[in-house]
Amino acid sequence: MKKLLLVTLFLTTFIEAGANQITLTGTVISNGQKMIGSRYMGYIKKVYVQLGDFVKREDDLYEMESAEFDMMKSQADLGLEQSKLVVEFWKKRLEVLEKRKEKLELKANNKMMMPMTDLNDLNTMAENAESMLETAQVMVEQMSIKAKQLATVFNYLKMKAPSDGVIVQKNIKVGDMVMPGMLTVMMVDMEDLEIDVSISEGIMKHVHKGDTVKVAIPSLDYKTIGKIKALIPNANPMTHKIKIRVSFDTNGKNIFPGMYAKIVIDKAR
């Protein structure tokens, strides 16, 4: 009789505990997915990564052919140097004219005989030199901007990783032509993982942003505590579903996006 009572009490407690909890299934996702696309048209020269590779920020991902851009960059650099030389030429020319003017003005102050036409000519030449110097300085600024723009373009020909992560998709190989906007590489941040769960509107009253929940990754037999980070309306209102995002700590476990996960919500709140 005592054994029967103990078993009945245990089952009652278990049922009550189960009735106060909601178990849901979800999928591990990365909150740091990076979709890397090409900005320019060209052929792929080198690919430095493979699927599953872990990369660090600023690691090379791939490189495009740069012969045409090399020529354009060289021309821009040459134009910048030439415009700087023109500026120096007119600066020196203006200095020479200013010294000649000073000598003529000194003679005029000492009441020495001198033709006034020489001074007038020098003033005119100095004004022309100043005008040419200003034009050359504007040219230097324009060529400098163009050189910087081409340097930026050149940097995009060798694509680098924007952050640490794992390569999960690679749509290019050596010799492929890519177009502007084409997705070339996708990578995910393995340090910023969350669980994506769809719930019915019937249990919304038990779900609140900031609530702690139990998290389990059955394939790894890993259990931890997570927190409801966000409640997201579903894009399709006909499903009557709401998405929630649960943040959790991986504690160094080999947890990857796409893995099956469970969360348990406590009703008694």
C-alpha atoms as a PDB file:
ATOM      1  CA  MET A   1       0.000   0.000   0.000  1.00  0.00           C
ATOM      2  CA  LYS A   2       2.834   2.394   0.921  1.00  0.00           C
ATOM      3  CA  LYS A   3       4.628   1.598  -2.369  1.00  0.00           C
ATOM      4  CA  LEU A   4       1.425   2.322  -4.314  1.00  0.00           C
ATOM      5  CA  LEU A   5       1.047   5.666  -2.545  1.00  0.00           C
ATOM      6  CA  LEU A   6       4.683   6.609  -3.260  1.00  0.00           C
ATOM      7  CA  VAL A   7       4.353   5.746  -6.968  1.00  0.00           C
ATOM      8  CA  THR A   8       1.085   7.703  -7.218  1.00  0.00           C
ATOM      9  CA  LEU A   9       2.702  10.727  -5.511  1.00  0.00           C
ATOM     10  CA  PHE A  10       5.686  10.571  -7.857  1.00  0.00           C
ATOM     11  CA  LEU A  11       3.493  10.391 -10.963  1.00  0.00           C
ATOM     12  CA  THR A  12       1.334  13.258  -9.724  1.00  0.00           C
ATOM     13  CA  THR A  13       4.387  15.423  -9.086  1.00  0.00           C
ATOM     14  CA  PHE A  14       5.832  14.542 -12.525  1.00  0.00           C
ATOM     15  CA  ILE A  15       2.555  15.347 -14.309  1.00  0.00           C
ATOM     16  CA  GLU A  16       2.217  18.647 -12.457  1.00  0.00           C
ATOM     17  CA  ALA A  17       5.828  19.562 -13.298  1.00  0.00           C
ATOM     18  CA  GLY A  18       5.221  18.650 -16.945  1.00  0.00           C
ATOM     19  CA  ALA A  19       2.010  20.632 -16.983  1.00  0.00           C
ATOM     20  CA  ASN A  20       3.886  23.725 -15.791  1.00  0.00           C
ATOM     21  CA  GLN A  21       6.453  23.539 -18.576  1.00  0.00           C
ATOM     22  CA  ILE A  22       6.324  24.011 -22.326  1.00  0.00           C
ATOM     23  CA  THR A  23       8.908  22.208 -24.444  1.00  0.00           C
ATOM     24  CA  LEU A  24       9.631  23.675 -27.875  1.00  0.00           C
ATOM     25  CA  THR A  25      12.013  22.757 -30.667  1.00  0.00           C
ATOM     26  CA  GLY A  26      14.143  25.145 -32.672  1.00  0.00           C
ATOM     27  CA  THR A  27      17.258  25.559 -34.781  1.00  0.00           C
ATOM     28  CA  VAL A  28      20.622  27.022 -33.916  1.00  0.00           C
ATOM     29  CA  ILE A  29      21.403  30.033 -36.105  1.00  0.00           C
ATOM     30  CA  SER A  30      24.223  32.543 -36.313  1.00  0.00           C
ATOM     31  CA  ASN A  31      23.394  36.133 -35.528  1.00  0.00           C
ATOM     32  CA  GLY A  32      26.507  37.224 -37.400  1.00  0.00           C
ATOM     33  CA  GLN A  33      25.965  35.980 -40.949  1.00  0.00           C
ATOM     34  CA  LYS A  34      28.076  37.814 -43.533  1.00  0.00           C
ATOM     35  CA  MET A  35      27.113  37.730 -47.212  1.00  0.00           C
ATOM     36  CA  ILE A  36      30.092  38.915 -49.248  1.00  0.00           C
ATOM     37  CA  GLY A  37      29.520  40.060 -52.804  1.00  0.00           C
ATOM     38  CA  SER A  38      31.605  41.472 -55.615  1.00  0.00           C
ATOM     39  CA  ARG A  39      31.518  45.205 -56.323  1.00  0.00           C
ATOM     40  CA  TYR A  40      33.101  44.971 -59.754  1.00  0.00           C
ATOM     41  CA  MET A  41      33.018  42.755 -62.813  1.00  0.00           C
ATOM     42  CA  GLY A  42      36.053  40.601 -63.447  1.00  0.00           C
ATOM     43  CA  TYR A  43      37.650  37.165 -63.366  1.00  0.00           C
ATOM     44  CA  ILE A  44      38.642  35.342 -60.191  1.00  0.00           C
ATOM     45  CA  LYS A  45      42.419  35.089 -59.981  1.00  0.00           C
ATOM     46  CA  LYS A  46      42.875  33.257 -56.668  1.00  0.00           C
ATOM     47  CA  VAL A  47      40.623  31.708 -54.010  1.00  0.00           C
ATOM     48  CA  TYR A  48      42.180  31.393 -50.563  1.00  0.00           C
ATOM     49  CA  VAL A  49      39.396  29.612 -48.637  1.00  0.00           C
ATOM     50  CA  GLN A  50      37.390  26.396 -48.744  1.00  0.00           C
ATOM     51  CA  LEU A  51      34.073  25.389 -47.203  1.00  0.00           C
ATOM     52  CA  GLY A  52      34.403  24.923 -43.457  1.00  0.00           C
ATOM     53  CA  ASP A  53      37.542  27.032 -43.132  1.00  0.00           C
ATOM     54  CA  PHE A  54      37.797  29.244 -40.069  1.00  0.00           C
ATOM     55  CA  VAL A  55      39.048  32.719 -40.961  1.00  0.00           C
ATOM     56  CA  LYS A  56      40.174  35.689 -38.927  1.00  0.00           C
ATOM     57  CA  ARG A  57      39.272  39.306 -39.591  1.00  0.00           C
ATOM     58  CA  GLU A  58      41.324  40.736 -42.509  1.00  0.00           C
ATOM     59  CA  ASP A  59      42.282  37.257 -43.805  1.00  0.00           C
ATOM     60  CA  ASP A  60      42.272  37.071 -47.621  1.00  0.00           C
ATOM     61  CA  LEU A  61      39.204  35.362 -49.103  1.00  0.00           C
ATOM     62  CA  TYR A  62      39.749  35.720 -52.852  1.00  0.00           C
ATOM     63  CA  GLU A  63      41.423  37.946 -55.433  1.00  0.00           C
ATOM     64  CA  MET A  64      40.260  39.222 -58.808  1.00  0.00           C
ATOM     65  CA  GLU A  65      42.312  39.906 -61.943  1.00  0.00           C
ATOM     66  CA  SER A  66      43.824  43.360 -61.641  1.00  0.00           C
ATOM     67  CA  ALA A  67      45.642  44.040 -64.951  1.00  0.00           C
ATOM     68  CA  GLU A  68      43.155  46.675 -66.131  1.00  0.00           C
ATOM     69  CA  PHE A  69      42.931  48.272 -62.691  1.00  0.00           C
ATOM     70  CA  ASP A  70      46.732  48.213 -62.371  1.00  0.00           C
ATOM     71  CA  MET A  71      46.981  50.278 -65.557  1.00  0.00           C
ATOM     72  CA  MET A  72      44.326  52.736 -64.388  1.00  0.00           C
ATOM     73  CA  LYS A  73      45.983  53.080 -60.982  1.00  0.00           C
ATOM     74  CA  SER A  74      49.412  53.623 -62.583  1.00  0.00           C
ATOM     75  CA  GLN A  75      47.962  56.308 -64.836  1.00  0.00           C
ATOM     76  CA  ALA A  76      46.314  58.038 -61.887  1.00  0.00           C
ATOM     77  CA  ASP A  77      49.544  57.913 -59.841  1.00  0.00           C
ATOM     78  CA  LEU A  78      51.529  59.248 -62.809  1.00  0.00           C
ATOM     79  CA  GLY A  79      49.015  62.058 -63.336  1.00  0.00           C
ATOM     80  CA  LEU A  80      49.280  62.994 -59.661  1.00  0.00           C
ATOM     81  CA  GLU A  81      53.091  63.150 -59.795  1.00  0.00           C
ATOM     82  CA  GLN A  82      53.043  65.221 -62.987  1.00  0.00           C
ATOM     83  CA  SER A  83      50.561  67.689 -61.520  1.00  0.00           C
ATOM     84  CA  LYS A  84      52.780  68.044 -58.444  1.00  0.00           C
ATOM     85  CA  LEU A  85      55.740  68.826 -60.705  1.00  0.00           C
ATOM     86  CA  VAL A  86      53.697  71.499 -62.473  1.00  0.00           C
ATOM     87  CA  VAL A  87      52.889  73.076 -59.099  1.00  0.00           C
ATOM     88  CA  GLU A  88      56.565  73.142 -58.154  1.00  0.00           C
ATOM     89  CA  PHE A  89      57.451  74.681 -61.511  1.00  0.00           C
ATOM     90  CA  TRP A  90      55.007  77.579 -61.096  1.00  0.00           C
ATOM     91  CA  LYS A  91      56.037  78.091 -57.476  1.00  0.00           C
ATOM     92  CA  LYS A  92      59.665  78.529 -58.518  1.00  0.00           C
ATOM     93  CA  ARG A  93      58.652  80.704 -61.482  1.00  0.00           C
ATOM     94  CA  LEU A  94      56.649  82.942 -59.158  1.00  0.00           C
ATOM     95  CA  GLU A  95      59.576  83.190 -56.725  1.00  0.00           C
ATOM     96  CA  VAL A  96      61.903  84.298 -59.557  1.00  0.00           C
ATOM     97  CA  LEU A  97      59.438  86.936 -60.731  1.00  0.00           C
ATOM     98  CA  GLU A  98      58.926  88.226 -57.170  1.00  0.00           C
ATOM     99  CA  LYS A  99      62.705  88.635 -56.721  1.00  0.00           C
ATOM    100  CA  ARG A 100      62.984  90.524 -60.017  1.00  0.00           C
ATOM    101  CA  LYS A 101      60.113  92.776 -58.935  1.00  0.00           C
ATOM    102  CA  GLU A 102      61.859  93.495 -55.627  1.00  0.00           C
ATOM    103  CA  LYS A 103      65.034  94.535 -57.443  1.00  0.00           C
ATOM    104  CA  LEU A 104      63.167  96.845 -59.812  1.00  0.00           C
ATOM    105  CA  GLU A 105      61.160  98.372 -56.953  1.00  0.00           C
ATOM    106  CA  LEU A 106      64.392  98.942 -55.026  1.00  0.00           C
ATOM    107  CA  LYS A 107      65.866 100.793 -57.975  1.00  0.00           C
ATOM    108  CA  ALA A 108      62.695 102.862 -58.281  1.00  0.00           C
ATOM    109  CA  ASN A 109      62.869 103.783 -54.590  1.00  0.00           C
ATOM    110  CA  ASN A 110      66.486 104.866 -55.037  1.00  0.00           C
ATOM    111  CA  LYS A 111      65.370 107.055 -57.959  1.00  0.00           C
ATOM    112  CA  MET A 112      67.480 105.156 -60.376  1.00  0.00           C
ATOM    113  CA  MET A 113      66.638 105.374 -64.052  1.00  0.00           C
ATOM    114  CA  MET A 114      64.608 102.363 -65.214  1.00  0.00           C
ATOM    115  CA  PRO A 115      61.850 101.731 -67.765  1.00  0.00           C
ATOM    116  CA  MET A 116      58.437 101.420 -66.073  1.00  0.00           C
ATOM    117  CA  THR A 117      57.371  98.945 -68.750  1.00  0.00           C
ATOM    118  CA  ASP A 118      59.690  96.336 -67.205  1.00  0.00           C
ATOM    119  CA  LEU A 119      57.904  96.572 -63.856  1.00  0.00           C
ATOM    120  CA  ASN A 120      54.498  96.441 -65.510  1.00  0.00           C
ATOM    121  CA  ASP A 121      55.535  93.395 -67.510  1.00  0.00           C
ATOM    122  CA  LEU A 122      56.770  91.684 -64.370  1.00  0.00           C
ATOM    123  CA  ASN A 123      53.492  92.385 -62.570  1.00  0.00           C
ATOM    124  CA  THR A 124      51.579  90.874 -65.475  1.00  0.00           C
ATOM    125  CA  MET A 125      53.829  87.795 -65.577  1.00  0.00           C
ATOM    126  CA  ALA A 126      53.507  87.371 -61.798  1.00  0.00           C
ATOM    127  CA  GLU A 127      49.711  87.503 -62.003  1.00  0.00           C
ATOM    128  CA  ASN A 128      49.760  84.897 -64.785  1.00  0.00           C
ATOM    129  CA  ALA A 129      52.094  82.701 -62.742  1.00  0.00           C
ATOM    130  CA  GLU A 130      49.788  82.934 -59.711  1.00  0.00           C
ATOM    131  CA  SER A 131      46.828  81.956 -61.886  1.00  0.00           C
ATOM    132  CA  MET A 132      48.699  78.976 -63.334  1.00  0.00           C
ATOM    133  CA  LEU A 133      49.806  77.931 -59.820  1.00  0.00           C
ATOM    134  CA  GLU A 134      46.216  77.952 -58.564  1.00  0.00           C
ATOM    135  CA  THR A 135      45.104  75.898 -61.571  1.00  0.00           C
ATOM    136  CA  ALA A 136      47.919  73.396 -60.984  1.00  0.00           C
ATOM    137  CA  GLN A 137      46.996  73.092 -57.278  1.00  0.00           C
ATOM    138  CA  VAL A 138      43.385  72.333 -58.213  1.00  0.00           C
ATOM    139  CA  MET A 139      44.658  69.673 -60.612  1.00  0.00           C
ATOM    140  CA  VAL A 140      46.706  68.105 -57.814  1.00  0.00           C
ATOM    141  CA  GLU A 141      43.604  67.883 -55.609  1.00  0.00           C
ATOM    142  CA  GLN A 142      41.563  66.286 -58.393  1.00  0.00           C
ATOM    143  CA  MET A 143      44.286  63.772 -59.278  1.00  0.00           C
ATOM    144  CA  SER A 144      44.748  62.953 -55.586  1.00  0.00           C
ATOM    145  CA  ILE A 145      41.014  62.161 -55.253  1.00  0.00           C
ATOM    146  CA  LYS A 146      41.130  59.995 -58.369  1.00  0.00           C
ATOM    147  CA  ALA A 147      44.200  58.114 -57.098  1.00  0.00           C
ATOM    148  CA  LYS A 148      42.468  57.471 -53.757  1.00  0.00           C
ATOM    149  CA  GLN A 149      39.338  56.211 -55.507  1.00  0.00           C
ATOM    150  CA  LEU A 150      41.343  53.775 -57.613  1.00  0.00           C
ATOM    151  CA  ALA A 151      43.281  52.674 -54.535  1.00  0.00           C
ATOM    152  CA  THR A 152      39.934  51.856 -52.892  1.00  0.00           C
ATOM    153  CA  VAL A 153      38.846  49.927 -55.988  1.00  0.00           C
ATOM    154  CA  PHE A 154      42.151  48.066 -55.949  1.00  0.00           C
ATOM    155  CA  ASN A 155      41.551  47.051 -52.313  1.00  0.00           C
ATOM    156  CA  TYR A 156      38.182  45.531 -53.259  1.00  0.00           C
ATOM    157  CA  LEU A 157      39.901  43.347 -55.855  1.00  0.00           C
ATOM    158  CA  LYS A 158      41.411  41.395 -52.960  1.00  0.00           C
ATOM    159  CA  MET A 159      38.458  40.651 -50.710  1.00  0.00           C
ATOM    160  CA  LYS A 160      39.185  40.236 -47.008  1.00  0.00           C
ATOM    161  CA  ALA A 161      37.120  38.745 -44.195  1.00  0.00           C
ATOM    162  CA  PRO A 162      35.109  41.452 -42.392  1.00  0.00           C
ATOM    163  CA  SER A 163      35.188  39.479 -39.128  1.00  0.00           C
ATOM    164  CA  ASP A 164      36.101  36.121 -37.603  1.00  0.00           C
ATOM    165  CA  GLY A 165      33.924  33.270 -38.812  1.00  0.00           C
ATOM    166  CA  VAL A 166      33.481  30.011 -40.713  1.00  0.00           C
ATOM    167  CA  ILE A 167      32.985  29.759 -44.474  1.00  0.00           C
ATOM    168  CA  VAL A 168      29.598  28.101 -45.071  1.00  0.00           C
ATOM    169  CA  GLN A 169      29.068  28.909 -48.760  1.00  0.00           C
ATOM    170  CA  LYS A 170      31.504  29.493 -51.642  1.00  0.00           C
ATOM    171  CA  ASN A 171      30.146  30.249 -55.097  1.00  0.00           C
ATOM    172  CA  ILE A 172      33.409  30.950 -56.913  1.00  0.00           C
ATOM    173  CA  LYS A 173      36.459  29.191 -58.257  1.00  0.00           C
ATOM    174  CA  VAL A 174      39.514  30.309 -60.183  1.00  0.00           C
ATOM    175  CA  GLY A 175      38.605  31.525 -63.671  1.00  0.00           C
ATOM    176  CA  ASP A 176      34.973  32.354 -62.905  1.00  0.00           C
ATOM    177  CA  MET A 177      33.649  35.735 -63.970  1.00  0.00           C
ATOM    178  CA  VAL A 178      31.754  37.601 -61.281  1.00  0.00           C
ATOM    179  CA  MET A 179      29.330  40.455 -61.721  1.00  0.00           C
ATOM    180  CA  PRO A 180      28.665  43.402 -59.391  1.00  0.00           C
ATOM    181  CA  GLY A 181      26.372  42.326 -56.545  1.00  0.00           C
ATOM    182  CA  MET A 182      26.951  38.606 -57.080  1.00  0.00           C
ATOM    183  CA  LEU A 183      27.181  36.574 -53.846  1.00  0.00           C
ATOM    184  CA  THR A 184      30.669  35.088 -53.745  1.00  0.00           C
ATOM    185  CA  VAL A 185      31.228  33.910 -50.168  1.00  0.00           C
ATOM    186  CA  MET A 186      29.040  33.507 -47.091  1.00  0.00           C
ATOM    187  CA  MET A 187      30.474  33.205 -43.608  1.00  0.00           C
ATOM    188  CA  VAL A 188      28.972  32.988 -40.140  1.00  0.00           C
ATOM    189  CA  ASP A 189      30.184  34.138 -36.766  1.00  0.00           C
ATOM    190  CA  MET A 190      30.479  31.073 -34.534  1.00  0.00           C
ATOM    191  CA  GLU A 191      30.700  33.167 -31.366  1.00  0.00           C
ATOM    192  CA  ASP A 192      27.261  34.774 -31.698  1.00  0.00           C
ATOM    193  CA  LEU A 193      24.811  31.860 -31.858  1.00  0.00           C
ATOM    194  CA  GLU A 194      21.114  31.942 -31.027  1.00  0.00           C
ATOM    195  CA  ILE A 195      18.165  29.557 -31.211  1.00  0.00           C
ATOM    196  CA  ASP A 196      15.306  30.350 -33.574  1.00  0.00           C
ATOM    197  CA  VAL A 197      11.946  28.974 -32.384  1.00  0.00           C
ATOM    198  CA  SER A 198       8.438  29.278 -33.823  1.00  0.00           C
ATOM    199  CA  ILE A 199       5.617  29.319 -31.265  1.00  0.00           C
ATOM    200  CA  SER A 200       1.841  29.388 -31.609  1.00  0.00           C
ATOM    201  CA  GLU A 201      -0.079  32.433 -30.450  1.00  0.00           C
ATOM    202  CA  GLY A 202      -1.781  30.252 -27.829  1.00  0.00           C
ATOM    203  CA  ILE A 203       1.295  30.186 -25.602  1.00  0.00           C
ATOM    204  CA  MET A 204       2.267  33.844 -26.062  1.00  0.00           C
ATOM    205  CA  LYS A 205       0.968  34.632 -22.572  1.00  0.00           C
ATOM    206  CA  HIS A 206       3.730  32.453 -21.140  1.00  0.00           C
ATOM    207  CA  VAL A 207       6.525  34.061 -23.170  1.00  0.00           C
ATOM    208  CA  HIS A 208       8.152  37.353 -22.245  1.00  0.00           C
ATOM    209  CA  LYS A 209      11.282  39.069 -23.464  1.00  0.00           C
ATOM    210  CA  GLY A 210      14.075  38.615 -20.937  1.00  0.00           C
ATOM    211  CA  ASP A 211      12.702  35.357 -19.452  1.00  0.00           C
ATOM    212  CA  THR A 212      15.221  32.624 -18.738  1.00  0.00           C
ATOM    213  CA  VAL A 213      14.622  29.239 -20.344  1.00  0.00           C
ATOM    214  CA  LYS A 214      16.264  25.839 -20.297  1.00  0.00           C
ATOM    215  CA  VAL A 215      18.252  25.056 -23.440  1.00  0.00           C
ATOM    216  CA  ALA A 216      19.334  21.628 -24.688  1.00  0.00           C
ATOM    217  CA  ILE A 217      21.315  20.475 -27.720  1.00  0.00           C
ATOM    218  CA  PRO A 218      20.351  16.767 -27.778  1.00  0.00           C
ATOM    219  CA  SER A 219      23.037  15.653 -30.270  1.00  0.00           C
ATOM    220  CA  LEU A 220      25.774  16.851 -27.905  1.00  0.00           C
ATOM    221  CA  ASP A 221      23.892  16.051 -24.690  1.00  0.00           C
ATOM    222  CA  TYR A 222      24.513  19.690 -23.775  1.00  0.00           C
ATOM    223  CA  LYS A 223      22.256  21.629 -21.428  1.00  0.00           C
ATOM    224  CA  THR A 224      22.429  25.223 -20.302  1.00  0.00           C
ATOM    225  CA  ILE A 225      20.312  28.258 -19.457  1.00  0.00           C
ATOM    226  CA  GLY A 226      19.315  30.791 -22.106  1.00  0.00           C
ATOM    227  CA  LYS A 227      17.357  34.013 -22.302  1.00  0.00           C
ATOM    228  CA  ILE A 228      14.557  35.113 -24.621  1.00  0.00           C
ATOM    229  CA  LYS A 229      16.210  37.909 -26.554  1.00  0.00           C
ATOM    230  CA  ALA A 230      13.453  38.945 -28.950  1.00  0.00           C
ATOM    231  CA  LEU A 231       9.894  38.252 -30.085  1.00  0.00           C
ATOM    232  CA  ILE A 232       9.509  38.603 -33.861  1.00  0.00           C
ATOM    233  CA  PRO A 233       6.190  38.682 -35.757  1.00  0.00           C
ATOM    234  CA  ASN A 234       6.064  36.130 -38.562  1.00  0.00           C
ATOM    235  CA  ALA A 235       6.186  37.530 -42.088  1.00  0.00           C
ATOM    236  CA  ASN A 236       3.166  35.391 -43.016  1.00  0.00           C
ATOM    237  CA  PRO A 237       0.216  36.319 -40.741  1.00  0.00           C
ATOM    238  CA  MET A 238      -1.784  33.291 -41.932  1.00  0.00           C
ATOM    239  CA  THR A 239       0.455  30.907 -39.993  1.00  0.00           C
ATOM    240  CA  HIS A 240      -0.541  32.406 -36.632  1.00  0.00           C
ATOM    241  CA  LYS A 241       3.031  31.848 -35.482  1.00  0.00           C
ATOM    242  CA  ILE A 242       5.492  34.074 -33.660  1.00  0.00           C
ATOM    243  CA  LYS A 243       9.258  33.643 -33.752  1.00  0.00           C
ATOM    244  CA  ILE A 244      11.408  34.011 -30.697  1.00  0.00           C
ATOM    245  CA  ARG A 245      15.160  34.237 -30.440  1.00  0.00           C
ATOM    246  CA  VAL A 246      16.950  32.672 -27.497  1.00  0.00           C
ATOM    247  CA  SER A 247      20.520  33.636 -26.653  1.00  0.00           C
ATOM    248  CA  PHE A 248      22.752  31.146 -24.854  1.00  0.00           C
ATOM    249  CA  ASP A 249      26.379  30.415 -24.045  1.00  0.00           C
ATOM    250  CA  THR A 250      28.102  27.633 -25.991  1.00  0.00           C
ATOM    251  CA  ASN A 251      30.822  27.192 -23.342  1.00  0.00           C
ATOM    252  CA  GLY A 252      33.280  26.162 -26.032  1.00  0.00           C
ATOM    253  CA  LYS A 253      31.152  23.284 -27.341  1.00  0.00           C
ATOM    254  CA  ASN A 254      31.164  22.419 -31.063  1.00  0.00           C
ATOM    255  CA  ILE A 255      27.741  23.900 -31.697  1.00  0.00           C
ATOM    256  CA  PHE A 256      27.058  24.910 -35.302  1.00  0.00           C
ATOM    257  CA  PRO A 257      24.253  26.743 -37.099  1.00  0.00           C
ATOM    258  CA  GLY A 258      21.556  24.338 -38.266  1.00  0.00           C
ATOM    259  CA  MET A 259      21.736  22.028 -35.245  1.00  0.00           C
ATOM    260  CA  TYR A 260      18.526  20.843 -33.583  1.00  0.00           C
ATOM    261  CA  ALA A 261      17.760  22.436 -30.211  1.00  0.00           C
ATOM    262  CA  LYS A 262      15.125  22.287 -27.479  1.00  0.00           C
ATOM    263  CA  ILE A 263      13.996  24.954 -25.069  1.00  0.00           C
ATOM    264  CA  VAL A 264      11.790  24.566 -22.002  1.00  0.00           C
ATOM    265  CA  ILE A 265       9.625  27.471 -20.816  1.00  0.00           C
ATOM    266  CA  ASP A 266       8.289  27.523 -17.295  1.00  0.00           C
ATOM    267  CA  LYS A 267       4.588  28.453 -17.205  1.00  0.00           C
ATOM    268  CA  ALA A 268       4.596  29.395 -13.537  1.00  0.00           C
ATOM    269  CA  ARG A 269       5.767  33.004 -13.796  1.00  0.00           C
END
